[in-house]
Structure formats: C-alpha cells, structure tokens
Amino acid sequence: MAQLKILISGAGIAGNALAYWLAKIGHDITVVERFSSLRDTGLQLDLRGHGIEVMKRMKLEEAFKAKVAPEKGVQLIDKRGRRRAFFPATTTKDGVQNFTTEFEIMRGDICRILYDAAVKHGAKFIFGTSIEKYDDKGSSVVVRLANGREDSFDLVVGAEGLNSRTRKMMLGPGAKDAARPLDGVMVGYFTMHKPIQQGEEFLATFYVAPGNKGIMARRSHPETLQIYIGGKTHALDNVARGDVKAEKEALTEFMRGAGWETENILKAMNTDNDFYLERMAIVKLDRWFKGRVVLVGDAAWCPTANTGMGTTSSIVGAYVLAGEIGRHCGKGTAEKSDKSDAGADLDKALASYDAKFRPFMDQVQKGIGEGSDWGMSFMSTAFGISLMHIFVAVLAFFQVNIGAMVLKEQVKDWKLPDYEELNEA
C-alpha cells in the first residue's frame, strides 16, 4: 500500500524503537523531540525477557553487547557500610534474571543505538520542537509544531514518557490525567565523580535508612558513580517540577543524617551536575489510542521503576504496535496508490495492538500502587530494617533469585507475536 505518513513525538527508547521498525518496512517516519539534540544521557537500564528477544530481532545484539555495563551484581549494606547480602548477576541461561542482568546498559547508549538504526532505515528527526496542538480530522491529523510548522499525518504517536503532552491532548481538556502518583515516592538521579578504589568491584550497592529513605550507588565507569537517592516524603509536594534548585534543597533536607555515605553524596548532589528528580507514578488507561492518535511506552503505560520492566515494556510495546501496523496496513511504498482503505486498516491495527499488548502490561503493572503500604511502613523503622537485613541475608545464603521475587520479568501465558512483515523487511 502507499506509505503511511507517521509523526512520532519523543526521541526516547520507545519512540526510536518504533521509528526503526516503521521506517524499516517503508513508511514515512518523522520524529520530533523537544530537546535540541538527542538525549543520549541518563543512568543504567536493563533488558529482560521478551525485550531481549525483540532486541535480537532488530539485529542489534552485537551493538548492544558492545556497550553492556560491567556490573557484576548487587549488595545490600548497613549504615556502617558492611555487606549484609550479595546477589550476583545472572544470564538468560539461568532463567529469570536477577537484579543485575547480562543486558545492563546506560540509557544514553541504548537511545543512541536505536536512533542510529532508525536513521539508517530513513527515519527523519527534528530536534528542538514538539507538538503544540493537533486536529484529528478522522482521515488525517493536522499537527502544528512549536516551531510554527504545520503538516498533516496519517497517524500521530505520543512517546514522550510519563508526563506526555500528547496523552493529555488525546484525553481532552478537563480530563483527569492517567498518571497516578505513588503517594510521595520520589527518586533523584545524578552522577558523581569518585574514582574506583583498588579492589573495588563494579557493583550496585543498596542502602536503606529509617524514615523511608534509601540510596543506591552503582558503577559502570571507573571515574564516576551513578546515584539514586530518595524515598517516600511529601516534602516536594509544593515544589515545581523541574525546579532543580528547589528539588535538591528539599531532597537534601529529607535525606540529611540518614547514615552511611549520605553526607558525601548530598555534597556531590548539590553541585552543577546531571541531576534529575522523578516523582514516581504509574500510568493506566482504558485504551491507548483515540482516532488517529496512539500512545506507546511510558506515555501509555508507565509501570514505574519498581517493576524493572520500563525499558523492556517500551521495546516490546513498540514492536507490537509496528507489527500490527505492518500486518494490517502492509509495507509502505513510495509509489502512488489508493489510501482509501488506510483509515479502516489503521483502526484495526490500533485496536489489535491494544488487545494484544494489554495482557502483558496488566501483569507487569499488577499490584503497583494498589493496596496498603504496610511493608514500607514496617521498613521505615530501624527494627524493621534489621529484620529485613536478616531475611535478605538468608535469601542470599541459599542463592535465591531476588530479581524473580521483586521484579516483573515473568509475564506468564503471553507469547511474543511473530510478524512476518517485520522479519522480511
């Protein structure tokens, strides 16, 4: 059939993965990104389960492995820095992977890999602008960008992440947003200069302090540490999102006196760095599309970092959306042909995408943000943390896979679709 002209908003992991597949099968793909260049920064991510298989189907395994982070496992420490438990990295041959997987990678590296692959297949990227508004006319979507450009597309895809503007426009004025905050849970991310010491390993280190506070430090580079710092507090309720100075001040006040290396970490945080604060939230929608507008990635179904499945869900979801477009709409051709059936075909593709991928996300999101937080309340005390140390030490002694216990890699009774249209392209 004729090429579909598709606009993707957001040059992150989901947007770039989708651009790769759709450009590969011949459609006219434009990606807009509000930042002035590709955001090939960020901290460590991983791929799990079906996400690894999709990466292999993209023929990107070699490029991925060339950038794999060298983390060897995760350790839990106490306020004196003493190791209380250690869980080594695992491989896919071991079944469900542990907290540290064989496919650890920096966000910037995977974003760049997907971007390069999409460009290679003809996807076009426009940086420094975003969707200002759109008008879904049924047979097409007229889009006005922030840079003043206006154009018409067969389909618009929102892939801007948790705080997606496209999602808010799709839901309509006055509609309640689908992002559901996890009652006061927030995490600050940044990197700090700290050269590796003799005998030190590339590990992720968890420290939990009373008062619902915690720190994770992990090393993927010999000169720097990645820091994840935060917990549960309402100290940021009145702080504007993106006001980095105020966010750092509130986080500093919350974390001060937490023990271990907290004071040194706070000192490093309060310098000019790559700090970013995320107010944790889960996104739930009854439907991921409306008319000729569809959502993918965190914009559609953010599962939170608690599941360990954010990156995998984005990669797999983009694959399913592209596969259903390929199956129902065919491959694109630059030759002129009748587009009269494109609307009905796209309707079928979007409905099938929603129906096929929703069981996957229902399992990944199950239990997140639901029920009581008695566990967190228990862990907020020194006594509760001491008992947790004992419990986790026993798990480590018996080599229990803690990743399988707390993360959501095991998606049961769901099979990754096989799309001939994507495989043959």
Protein backbone atom coordinates (compact mmCIF):
# COMPACT_ATOMS: atom_id res chain seq x y z
CA MET A 1 0.00 0.00 0.00
CA ALA A 2 1.01 3.67 -0.07
CA GLN A 3 3.40 4.91 2.56
CA LEU A 4 1.78 5.96 5.78
CA LYS A 5 2.98 9.36 6.92
CA ILE A 6 3.54 8.99 10.65
CA LEU A 7 4.66 11.51 13.26
CA ILE A 8 6.26 10.24 16.47
CA SER A 9 6.62 12.67 19.37
CA GLY A 10 9.58 11.78 21.56
CA ALA A 11 13.06 10.52 20.60
CA GLY A 12 13.47 8.27 23.61
CA ILE A 13 13.62 4.49 23.75
CA ALA A 14 10.01 3.76 22.75
CA GLY A 15 9.89 6.44 20.05
CA ASN A 16 13.21 5.44 18.48
CA ALA A 17 12.38 1.73 18.56
CA LEU A 18 9.04 2.38 16.84
CA ALA A 19 10.71 4.67 14.28
CA TYR A 20 13.18 1.89 13.47
CA TRP A 21 10.50 -0.72 12.75
CA LEU A 22 8.14 1.54 10.80
CA ALA A 23 10.91 3.08 8.69
CA LYS A 24 12.29 -0.39 8.06
CA ILE A 25 9.02 -1.52 6.48
CA GLY A 26 8.89 1.51 4.24
CA HIS A 27 6.70 4.10 5.92
CA ASP A 28 7.41 7.83 6.01
CA ILE A 29 8.51 8.48 9.59
CA THR A 30 9.22 11.81 11.28
CA VAL A 31 10.25 12.03 14.93
CA VAL A 32 10.07 15.32 16.82
CA GLU A 33 11.97 15.85 20.06
CA ARG A 34 11.61 18.97 22.21
CA PHE A 35 15.25 18.87 23.32
CA SER A 36 17.79 20.47 21.00
CA SER A 37 19.64 17.20 20.39
CA LEU A 38 19.34 13.50 21.09
CA ARG A 39 19.29 12.95 24.84
CA ASP A 40 21.95 10.25 24.88
CA THR A 41 22.44 10.66 28.63
CA GLY A 42 20.89 9.06 31.70
CA LEU A 43 21.67 6.27 34.11
CA GLN A 44 21.70 2.49 33.88
CA LEU A 45 18.88 0.38 32.43
CA ASP A 46 18.45 -3.25 31.51
CA LEU A 47 16.55 -5.53 29.17
CA ARG A 48 14.65 -8.57 30.36
CA GLY A 49 12.61 -11.43 28.96
CA HIS A 50 10.78 -10.56 25.76
CA GLY A 51 12.75 -7.31 25.44
CA ILE A 52 15.93 -9.29 24.80
CA GLU A 53 14.24 -11.27 22.03
CA VAL A 54 12.95 -8.09 20.36
CA MET A 55 16.44 -6.59 20.50
CA LYS A 56 17.75 -9.70 18.75
CA ARG A 57 15.02 -9.46 16.09
CA MET A 58 16.15 -5.88 15.49
CA LYS A 59 19.61 -7.29 14.68
CA LEU A 60 21.09 -5.04 17.37
CA GLU A 61 22.52 -7.64 19.75
CA GLU A 62 26.11 -7.00 18.66
CA ALA A 63 25.77 -3.24 19.05
CA PHE A 64 24.07 -3.72 22.42
CA LYS A 65 26.70 -6.09 23.80
CA ALA A 66 29.46 -3.68 22.77
CA LYS A 67 28.00 -1.18 25.26
CA VAL A 68 26.97 -3.51 28.10
CA ALA A 69 27.74 -2.12 31.56
CA PRO A 70 30.20 -4.24 33.61
CA GLU A 71 28.06 -4.56 36.77
CA LYS A 72 28.67 -7.90 38.50
CA GLY A 73 25.83 -7.96 40.99
CA VAL A 74 24.05 -6.13 43.81
CA GLN A 75 24.90 -5.89 47.51
CA LEU A 76 22.87 -4.71 50.48
CA ILE A 77 24.81 -2.81 53.14
CA ASP A 78 24.07 -1.36 56.58
CA LYS A 79 24.75 2.15 57.92
CA ARG A 80 28.41 1.26 58.58
CA GLY A 81 28.88 0.08 55.02
CA ARG A 82 29.08 -3.59 55.98
CA ARG A 83 27.77 -6.04 53.40
CA ARG A 84 24.69 -7.88 54.63
CA ALA A 85 23.82 -9.73 51.41
CA PHE A 86 25.09 -10.17 47.85
CA PHE A 87 23.29 -11.34 44.72
CA PRO A 88 25.44 -11.97 41.63
CA ALA A 89 24.49 -11.09 38.09
CA THR A 90 22.76 -13.81 36.12
CA THR A 91 22.32 -14.66 32.46
CA THR A 92 19.30 -15.64 30.40
CA LYS A 93 20.58 -19.22 30.58
CA ASP A 94 19.74 -19.11 34.30
CA GLY A 95 16.08 -18.41 33.53
CA VAL A 96 14.55 -15.29 35.04
CA GLN A 97 17.40 -12.83 35.58
CA ASN A 98 18.47 -11.43 38.93
CA PHE A 99 18.53 -7.72 39.82
CA THR A 100 21.69 -7.34 37.72
CA THR A 101 21.27 -8.90 34.29
CA GLU A 102 23.62 -9.71 31.44
CA PHE A 103 21.97 -6.91 29.47
CA GLU A 104 22.75 -3.85 31.62
CA ILE A 105 23.30 -0.70 29.55
CA MET A 106 23.37 3.06 30.00
CA ARG A 107 20.23 4.85 28.85
CA GLY A 108 22.22 7.09 26.53
CA ASP A 109 23.85 4.13 24.82
CA ILE A 110 20.62 2.28 24.06
CA CYS A 111 18.96 5.50 22.94
CA ARG A 112 21.84 6.19 20.53
CA ILE A 113 21.83 2.61 19.21
CA LEU A 114 18.11 2.80 18.41
CA TYR A 115 18.44 6.30 16.93
CA ASP A 116 21.27 5.26 14.60
CA ALA A 117 19.31 2.19 13.47
CA ALA A 118 16.19 4.27 12.77
CA VAL A 119 18.13 6.88 10.79
CA LYS A 120 19.81 4.12 8.79
CA HIS A 121 16.37 3.00 7.61
CA GLY A 122 15.28 6.51 6.66
CA ALA A 123 13.52 7.93 9.73
CA LYS A 124 13.78 11.73 9.94
CA PHE A 125 14.39 13.53 13.25
CA ILE A 126 13.56 17.15 14.06
CA PHE A 127 15.05 18.42 17.32
CA GLY A 128 14.15 21.47 19.35
CA THR A 129 10.40 21.34 18.81
CA SER A 130 7.28 19.50 19.90
CA ILE A 131 3.58 19.14 19.15
CA GLU A 132 1.82 22.35 20.13
CA LYS A 133 -1.64 21.13 19.12
CA TYR A 134 -3.32 18.78 16.71
CA ASP A 135 -6.66 18.41 14.98
CA ASP A 136 -7.80 14.84 14.30
CA LYS A 137 -9.97 15.08 11.19
CA GLY A 138 -10.73 11.36 11.02
CA SER A 139 -8.89 10.65 7.79
CA SER A 140 -5.75 12.52 8.89
CA VAL A 141 -4.29 14.54 11.76
CA VAL A 142 -3.24 18.13 11.19
CA VAL A 143 -0.38 18.98 13.54
CA ARG A 144 1.05 22.34 14.50
CA LEU A 145 4.54 22.24 15.97
CA ALA A 146 6.01 24.68 18.46
CA ASN A 147 8.37 25.96 15.75
CA GLY A 148 5.34 27.12 13.71
CA ARG A 149 5.44 24.34 11.13
CA GLU A 150 2.11 22.73 10.24
CA ASP A 151 1.66 19.39 8.47
CA SER A 152 -0.78 16.54 8.02
CA PHE A 153 -0.16 12.91 9.03
CA ASP A 154 -1.96 9.60 8.75
CA LEU A 155 -1.06 8.76 12.35
CA VAL A 156 0.40 10.59 15.37
CA VAL A 157 2.23 8.65 18.10
CA GLY A 158 2.86 10.02 21.60
CA ALA A 159 6.08 8.60 23.05
CA GLU A 160 7.23 11.42 25.33
CA GLY A 161 7.27 9.45 28.57
CA LEU A 162 5.47 9.70 31.91
CA ASN A 163 4.43 13.34 31.52
CA SER A 164 3.33 13.01 27.90
CA ARG A 165 1.70 16.13 26.44
CA THR A 166 0.23 14.08 23.61
CA ARG A 167 -1.58 11.90 26.14
CA LYS A 168 -3.07 14.95 27.82
CA MET A 169 -4.22 16.33 24.46
CA MET A 170 -5.65 12.96 23.47
CA LEU A 171 -7.68 12.73 26.68
CA GLY A 172 -9.06 16.19 26.06
CA PRO A 173 -9.39 19.42 28.07
CA GLY A 174 -10.57 18.96 31.62
CA ALA A 175 -9.94 15.20 31.62
CA LYS A 176 -8.11 13.70 34.57
CA ASP A 177 -4.62 12.64 33.58
CA ALA A 178 -3.85 8.93 33.62
CA ALA A 179 -0.63 9.31 35.64
CA ARG A 180 -1.28 8.09 39.19
CA PRO A 181 1.42 9.21 41.66
CA LEU A 182 2.78 6.65 44.11
CA ASP A 183 1.96 8.58 47.30
CA GLY A 184 5.06 10.67 47.88
CA VAL A 185 7.61 8.27 46.36
CA MET A 186 10.39 10.10 44.54
CA VAL A 187 13.94 9.41 43.39
CA GLY A 188 16.74 11.80 42.46
CA TYR A 189 19.30 10.63 39.90
CA PHE A 190 22.78 12.02 39.19
CA THR A 191 26.39 11.01 38.64
CA MET A 192 29.24 11.97 40.94
CA HIS A 193 33.00 11.88 40.48
CA LYS A 194 34.53 9.09 42.55
CA PRO A 195 37.42 7.08 41.06
CA ILE A 196 37.29 3.35 41.64
CA GLN A 197 39.46 2.13 44.52
CA GLN A 198 41.89 -0.76 44.39
CA GLY A 199 39.98 -3.98 44.94
CA GLU A 200 36.60 -2.34 44.36
CA GLU A 201 34.20 -4.21 42.08
CA PHE A 202 31.59 -2.96 39.64
CA LEU A 203 28.54 -3.47 41.83
CA ALA A 204 25.19 -1.93 42.65
CA THR A 205 25.05 -1.03 46.35
CA PHE A 206 21.74 -0.62 48.21
CA TYR A 207 21.44 1.22 51.50
CA VAL A 208 18.11 1.56 53.34
CA ALA A 209 17.70 4.03 56.22
CA PRO A 210 14.90 4.62 58.74
CA GLY A 211 12.23 7.09 57.67
CA ASN A 212 11.56 5.57 54.23
CA LYS A 213 14.91 6.73 52.87
CA GLY A 214 17.34 4.94 50.63
CA ILE A 215 20.34 5.21 48.32
CA MET A 216 21.61 3.04 45.50
CA ALA A 217 25.08 3.62 44.11
CA ARG A 218 26.23 1.71 41.06
CA ARG A 219 29.34 1.91 38.95
CA SER A 220 29.60 1.48 35.19
CA HIS A 221 32.66 3.71 34.76
CA PRO A 222 35.93 3.75 36.74
CA GLU A 223 35.73 7.51 37.38
CA THR A 224 32.08 8.04 38.32
CA LEU A 225 29.27 6.64 40.45
CA GLN A 226 25.61 6.64 39.48
CA ILE A 227 23.48 7.75 42.42
CA TYR A 228 19.79 7.02 43.02
CA ILE A 229 18.62 8.80 46.18
CA GLY A 230 15.18 9.31 47.68
CA GLY A 231 12.26 7.56 49.30
CA LYS A 232 8.78 8.46 50.46
CA THR A 233 8.10 12.04 51.51
CA HIS A 234 5.68 14.87 50.84
CA ALA A 235 8.44 17.46 51.16
CA LEU A 236 8.29 18.05 47.40
CA ASP A 237 4.52 18.41 47.10
CA ASN A 238 4.79 22.18 46.70
CA VAL A 239 7.99 22.17 44.64
CA ALA A 240 7.52 22.87 40.94
CA ARG A 241 8.52 20.04 38.65
CA GLY A 242 11.86 20.83 37.03
CA ASP A 243 12.90 23.44 39.62
CA VAL A 244 16.21 21.68 40.20
CA LYS A 245 17.47 24.06 42.89
CA ALA A 246 14.31 23.65 44.98
CA GLU A 247 14.21 19.90 44.37
CA LYS A 248 17.79 19.50 45.57
CA GLU A 249 17.08 21.60 48.66
CA ALA A 250 14.01 19.54 49.60
CA LEU A 251 15.79 16.25 48.93
CA THR A 252 18.80 17.38 50.96
CA GLU A 253 16.61 18.26 53.93
CA PHE A 254 14.80 14.93 53.68
CA MET A 255 17.95 12.79 53.44
CA ARG A 256 20.24 14.62 55.87
CA GLY A 257 21.53 12.39 58.69
CA ALA A 258 20.47 9.13 57.01
CA GLY A 259 23.83 7.47 57.61
CA TRP A 260 26.43 5.62 55.52
CA GLU A 261 27.79 7.95 52.78
CA THR A 262 24.73 10.20 52.74
CA GLU A 263 26.52 13.45 53.63
CA ASN A 264 29.20 12.97 50.95
CA ILE A 265 26.55 12.10 48.40
CA LEU A 266 24.46 15.14 49.28
CA LYS A 267 27.53 17.35 48.98
CA ALA A 268 28.16 15.95 45.49
CA MET A 269 24.49 16.31 44.57
CA ASN A 270 24.49 20.00 45.44
CA THR A 271 26.94 20.86 42.67
CA ASP A 272 26.39 21.55 38.98
CA ASN A 273 25.62 18.09 37.60
CA ASP A 274 23.13 15.99 35.65
CA PHE A 275 20.58 15.80 38.48
CA TYR A 276 17.04 14.76 37.62
CA LEU A 277 14.20 14.06 40.02
CA GLU A 278 11.36 11.69 39.22
CA ARG A 279 8.12 11.70 41.14
CA MET A 280 7.14 8.07 40.78
CA ALA A 281 3.80 7.38 39.11
CA ILE A 282 2.05 4.64 37.22
CA VAL A 283 0.07 5.33 34.03
CA LYS A 284 -3.14 3.42 33.43
CA LEU A 285 -5.52 3.96 30.51
CA ASP A 286 -8.57 2.01 29.39
CA ARG A 287 -7.41 2.49 25.81
CA TRP A 288 -4.07 3.53 24.33
CA PHE A 289 -5.47 5.20 21.22
CA LYS A 290 -8.17 7.58 20.10
CA GLY A 291 -8.91 8.18 16.44
CA ARG A 292 -5.62 8.64 14.61
CA VAL A 293 -3.56 9.22 17.76
CA VAL A 294 -1.88 6.41 19.69
CA LEU A 295 0.46 6.17 22.68
CA VAL A 296 3.45 3.91 23.31
CA GLY A 297 5.99 3.47 26.12
CA ASP A 298 5.69 5.27 29.44
CA ALA A 299 3.23 7.72 27.86
CA ALA A 300 0.78 4.83 27.60
CA TRP A 301 1.55 2.50 30.48
CA CYS A 302 4.45 3.66 32.70
CA PRO A 303 4.97 0.71 35.09
CA THR A 304 7.42 2.60 37.38
CA ALA A 305 10.99 1.60 38.13
CA ASN A 306 9.63 -0.71 40.86
CA THR A 307 8.89 -3.36 38.22
CA GLY A 308 12.28 -3.34 36.48
CA MET A 309 10.33 -3.51 33.22
CA GLY A 310 10.17 0.05 31.92
CA THR A 311 12.72 -0.36 29.14
CA THR A 312 11.56 -3.84 28.20
CA SER A 313 7.92 -2.74 28.06
CA SER A 314 8.85 0.16 25.75
CA ILE A 315 10.86 -2.05 23.39
CA VAL A 316 8.23 -4.81 23.25
CA GLY A 317 5.27 -2.41 23.02
CA ALA A 318 6.86 -0.53 20.11
CA TYR A 319 7.46 -3.86 18.36
CA VAL A 320 3.83 -4.93 18.77
CA LEU A 321 2.49 -1.58 17.54
CA ALA A 322 4.76 -1.66 14.48
CA GLY A 323 3.91 -5.30 13.86
CA GLU A 324 0.18 -4.66 13.90
CA ILE A 325 0.56 -1.69 11.55
CA GLY A 326 2.62 -3.87 9.23
CA ARG A 327 0.12 -6.73 9.42
CA HIS A 328 -3.00 -4.64 8.81
CA CYS A 329 -1.64 -1.80 6.66
CA GLY A 330 1.20 -3.55 4.86
CA LYS A 331 4.61 -2.25 3.95
CA GLY A 332 4.95 1.26 2.65
CA THR A 333 5.83 2.05 -0.92
CA ALA A 334 6.72 5.43 -2.36
CA GLU A 335 4.59 4.68 -5.41
CA LYS A 336 1.27 6.46 -5.60
CA SER A 337 -1.65 4.23 -4.69
CA ASP A 338 -5.11 4.43 -3.20
CA LYS A 339 -5.23 5.27 0.51
CA SER A 340 -8.98 4.90 0.78
CA ASP A 341 -8.74 1.82 3.00
CA ALA A 342 -5.97 3.21 5.20
CA GLY A 343 -8.39 4.51 7.83
CA ALA A 344 -10.12 1.17 8.36
CA ASP A 345 -6.80 -0.66 8.30
CA LEU A 346 -5.29 1.66 10.88
CA ASP A 347 -8.34 1.28 13.10
CA LYS A 348 -7.84 -2.49 13.04
CA ALA A 349 -4.10 -2.16 13.68
CA LEU A 350 -4.51 0.12 16.70
CA ALA A 351 -7.29 -1.99 18.21
CA SER A 352 -5.23 -5.16 17.73
CA TYR A 353 -2.15 -3.53 19.27
CA ASP A 354 -4.16 -2.58 22.34
CA ALA A 355 -5.75 -6.01 22.65
CA LYS A 356 -2.52 -7.98 22.18
CA PHE A 357 -0.19 -5.97 24.39
CA ARG A 358 -2.58 -5.14 27.22
CA PRO A 359 -2.35 -8.62 28.87
CA PHE A 360 1.42 -8.13 29.03
CA MET A 361 1.16 -4.75 30.74
CA ASP A 362 -1.65 -5.87 33.04
CA GLN A 363 0.76 -8.42 34.53
CA VAL A 364 3.68 -6.00 34.73
CA GLN A 365 1.59 -3.32 36.47
CA LYS A 366 -0.32 -5.68 38.76
CA GLY A 367 -0.08 -4.61 42.39
CA ILE A 368 1.84 -1.39 41.72
CA GLY A 369 0.24 1.47 43.61
CA GLU A 370 -2.51 -0.79 44.94
CA GLY A 371 -3.37 -1.87 48.46
CA SER A 372 -1.71 -0.80 51.70
CA ASP A 373 1.91 0.22 52.12
CA TRP A 374 2.39 -1.69 55.34
CA GLY A 375 5.68 -3.05 54.02
CA MET A 376 7.08 0.43 53.54
CA SER A 377 5.81 1.48 56.94
CA PHE A 378 7.49 -1.52 58.56
CA MET A 379 10.73 -0.78 56.72
CA SER A 380 10.70 2.83 57.95
CA THR A 381 11.99 1.76 61.37
CA ALA A 382 15.47 0.68 62.41
CA PHE A 383 13.98 -2.55 63.81
CA GLY A 384 12.21 -3.32 60.54
CA ILE A 385 15.39 -2.70 58.56
CA SER A 386 17.36 -5.02 60.87
CA LEU A 387 14.84 -7.81 60.27
CA MET A 388 14.99 -7.12 56.53
CA HIS A 389 18.79 -7.49 56.64
CA ILE A 390 18.42 -10.92 58.26
CA PHE A 391 15.76 -12.04 55.79
CA VAL A 392 17.73 -10.90 52.74
CA ALA A 393 20.94 -12.46 54.10
CA VAL A 394 19.13 -15.82 54.29
CA LEU A 395 17.95 -15.43 50.70
CA ALA A 396 21.49 -14.68 49.59
CA PHE A 397 22.91 -17.64 51.52
CA PHE A 398 20.54 -20.00 49.72
CA GLN A 399 21.23 -18.22 46.39
CA VAL A 400 17.61 -17.23 45.91
CA ASN A 401 16.99 -15.09 42.83
CA ILE A 402 15.79 -11.85 44.40
CA GLY A 403 15.08 -10.37 40.97
CA ALA A 404 12.46 -13.03 40.32
CA MET A 405 10.89 -12.22 43.69
CA VAL A 406 10.57 -8.43 43.43
CA LEU A 407 10.69 -7.57 39.71
CA LYS A 408 8.14 -8.36 37.00
CA GLU A 409 10.13 -10.14 34.30
CA GLN A 410 7.91 -13.24 34.46
CA VAL A 411 4.99 -12.47 32.16
CA LYS A 412 3.06 -15.72 32.06
CA ASP A 413 0.85 -17.08 29.30
CA TRP A 414 1.86 -14.30 26.89
CA LYS A 415 3.73 -15.12 23.72
CA LEU A 416 5.73 -12.59 21.74
CA PRO A 417 3.99 -12.25 18.35
CA ASP A 418 5.93 -13.14 15.22
CA TYR A 419 5.37 -10.58 12.46
CA GLU A 420 6.43 -11.74 9.02
CA GLU A 421 6.07 -8.18 7.76
CA LEU A 422 8.83 -7.03 10.12
CA ASN A 423 11.05 -10.07 9.74
CA GLU A 424 11.06 -9.93 5.94
CA ALA A 425 11.76 -6.23 5.65
